[in-house]
Protein backbone atom coordinates (compact mmCIF):
# COMPACT_ATOMS: atom_id res chain seq x y z
CA MET A 1 9.85 -7.04 -2.19
CA LYS A 2 9.47 -5.36 -5.19
CA PHE A 3 8.42 -7.35 -8.49
CA LEU A 4 7.85 -5.95 -12.33
CA LEU A 5 5.03 -7.55 -13.77
CA ILE A 6 5.21 -7.74 -17.64
CA MET A 7 1.77 -7.33 -19.20
CA HIS A 8 2.46 -9.17 -23.12
CA MET A 9 0.14 -8.48 -26.38
CA ASN A 10 0.15 -10.02 -29.09
CA PRO A 11 -1.81 -7.19 -32.66
CA VAL A 12 -3.53 -9.75 -33.92
CA LEU A 13 -5.33 -11.06 -31.19
CA TRP A 14 -5.63 -7.23 -30.26
CA ASP A 15 -7.19 -6.63 -33.15
CA LYS A 16 -9.76 -9.64 -33.42
CA LEU A 17 -10.71 -7.42 -30.43
CA SER A 18 -14.68 -5.79 -29.86
CA GLU A 19 -14.23 -1.94 -29.21
CA GLU A 20 -16.44 -3.90 -26.60
CA GLU A 21 -14.50 -6.14 -25.24
CA GLN A 22 -10.58 -3.56 -25.53
CA GLN A 23 -13.22 -1.30 -23.56
CA GLU A 24 -13.41 -4.01 -20.84
CA VAL A 25 -9.23 -3.79 -20.57
CA PHE A 26 -9.04 -1.18 -20.82
CA ASP A 27 -11.85 -0.62 -17.80
CA GLY A 28 -9.85 -3.79 -15.80
CA HIS A 29 -6.60 -1.63 -15.47
CA ASP A 30 -8.64 0.76 -14.33
CA ARG A 31 -9.50 -1.55 -11.49
CA PHE A 32 -6.76 -3.28 -10.90
CA GLN A 33 -4.47 0.58 -10.21
CA GLU A 34 -7.34 1.37 -7.87
CA ILE A 35 -6.77 -2.18 -6.71
CA ILE A 36 -2.86 -1.67 -5.47
CA ARG A 37 -2.61 2.25 -4.99
CA ALA A 38 -5.13 1.10 -1.90
CA SER A 39 -3.14 -2.11 -1.05
CA GLY A 40 0.27 0.70 -0.68
CA GLU A 41 1.00 -2.45 -2.98
CA MET A 42 1.64 0.05 -6.89
CA VAL A 43 5.42 1.08 -6.97
CA GLY A 44 4.51 2.96 -10.97
CA THR A 45 3.21 1.47 -14.14
CA LYS A 46 4.11 2.12 -17.90
CA ALA A 47 3.17 1.77 -21.31
CA LEU A 48 4.80 1.24 -23.97
CA ASP A 49 4.54 2.19 -27.58
CA ALA A 50 3.82 -0.71 -30.82
CA PRO A 51 7.02 -1.97 -31.90
CA ALA A 52 6.65 -0.74 -34.78
CA ASN A 53 7.83 2.39 -33.15
CA THR A 54 11.05 1.40 -32.02
CA ALA A 55 14.18 1.52 -32.51
CA THR A 56 16.83 -0.28 -31.44
CA VAL A 57 20.35 1.49 -31.50
CA THR A 58 23.72 -1.91 -31.15
CA VAL A 59 27.54 0.03 -31.20
CA ARG A 60 30.37 -2.68 -32.82
CA ASP A 61 33.92 -1.85 -32.50
CA GLY A 62 32.51 1.27 -31.75
CA ALA A 63 29.48 2.01 -34.46
CA VAL A 64 26.59 3.10 -33.30
CA ARG A 65 23.58 1.46 -35.29
CA SER A 66 19.75 1.69 -35.61
CA VAL A 67 17.42 -0.14 -37.20
CA GLU A 68 14.02 0.09 -36.94
CA GLY A 69 11.96 -2.39 -34.60
CA PRO A 70 12.62 -3.95 -31.64
CA TYR A 71 15.35 -6.17 -30.93
CA VAL A 72 12.78 -9.64 -30.41
CA PRO A 73 10.66 -9.95 -33.30
CA GLY A 74 7.86 -12.04 -33.00
CA GLU A 75 4.55 -10.88 -32.68
CA SER A 76 3.63 -10.75 -29.21
CA PHE A 77 4.72 -7.74 -27.56
CA LEU A 78 6.33 -6.14 -24.22
CA CYS A 79 3.28 -3.74 -23.90
CA GLY A 80 3.66 -1.95 -20.38
CA TYR A 81 4.53 -2.95 -16.46
CA TYR A 82 3.86 -2.60 -13.29
CA VAL A 83 6.18 -2.00 -9.98
CA VAL A 84 4.34 -3.47 -7.57
CA ASP A 85 5.51 -3.44 -4.09
CA VAL A 86 4.54 -6.62 -1.92
CA ALA A 87 5.36 -9.06 0.85
CA SER A 88 6.02 -12.36 -1.63
CA LYS A 89 6.47 -13.73 -4.31
CA GLU A 90 3.34 -15.82 -4.34
CA ARG A 91 1.65 -11.39 -3.59
CA ALA A 92 2.92 -10.71 -6.59
CA VAL A 93 1.38 -13.97 -8.50
CA GLU A 94 -2.12 -13.63 -6.78
CA LEU A 95 -2.02 -9.51 -8.40
CA ALA A 96 -0.44 -10.49 -12.02
CA ALA A 97 -3.24 -12.86 -11.92
CA LEU A 98 -6.14 -9.32 -11.36
CA ILE A 99 -4.41 -7.44 -14.63
CA PRO A 100 -6.85 -7.96 -17.59
CA ASP A 101 -4.55 -9.12 -20.04
CA ALA A 102 -3.53 -12.31 -18.24
CA LYS A 103 -6.48 -13.59 -19.65
CA LEU A 104 -5.77 -12.72 -23.36
CA THR A 105 -1.36 -13.16 -23.69
CA ALA A 106 0.35 -13.29 -20.84
CA VAL A 107 2.04 -11.42 -17.56
CA GLU A 108 5.45 -12.03 -16.28
CA VAL A 109 6.56 -11.59 -12.90
CA ARG A 110 10.28 -11.34 -11.70
CA GLU A 111 11.47 -9.91 -9.02
CA VAL A 112 13.63 -6.79 -9.28
CA VAL A 113 16.70 -7.79 -7.67
CA HIS A 114 18.51 -3.66 -7.57
CA ASP A 115 16.72 -0.52 -7.54
CA ASP A 116 17.94 2.93 -7.33
CA GLY A 117 14.59 3.77 -5.40
CA ALA A 118 13.59 6.21 -8.42
CA GLU A 119 10.48 4.61 -10.34
């Protein structure tokens, strides 16, 4: 079973962290990746740019419109994700708890219901 472990970040919260605390988060991701690579559960991971660098595209009545900024405004934003291949949702939740972002904001666990095999 594949699951998307979705990480969100609040830039106000992130900016309040010291450089050492921010480095602990980065180091925690390195450790997490070592764990899921060693177990064979890692499918892939992506880190995403900040919402300020986002373009949101809509098409209405054939007209394309692009605006700067995220589709869903707010303080927290999708900052990255892991795709893991595990035996159960319980294991996915267990892994999500190891991601350092879970201590700061939250990590969503969502099953992948369709996969074309490309990562």
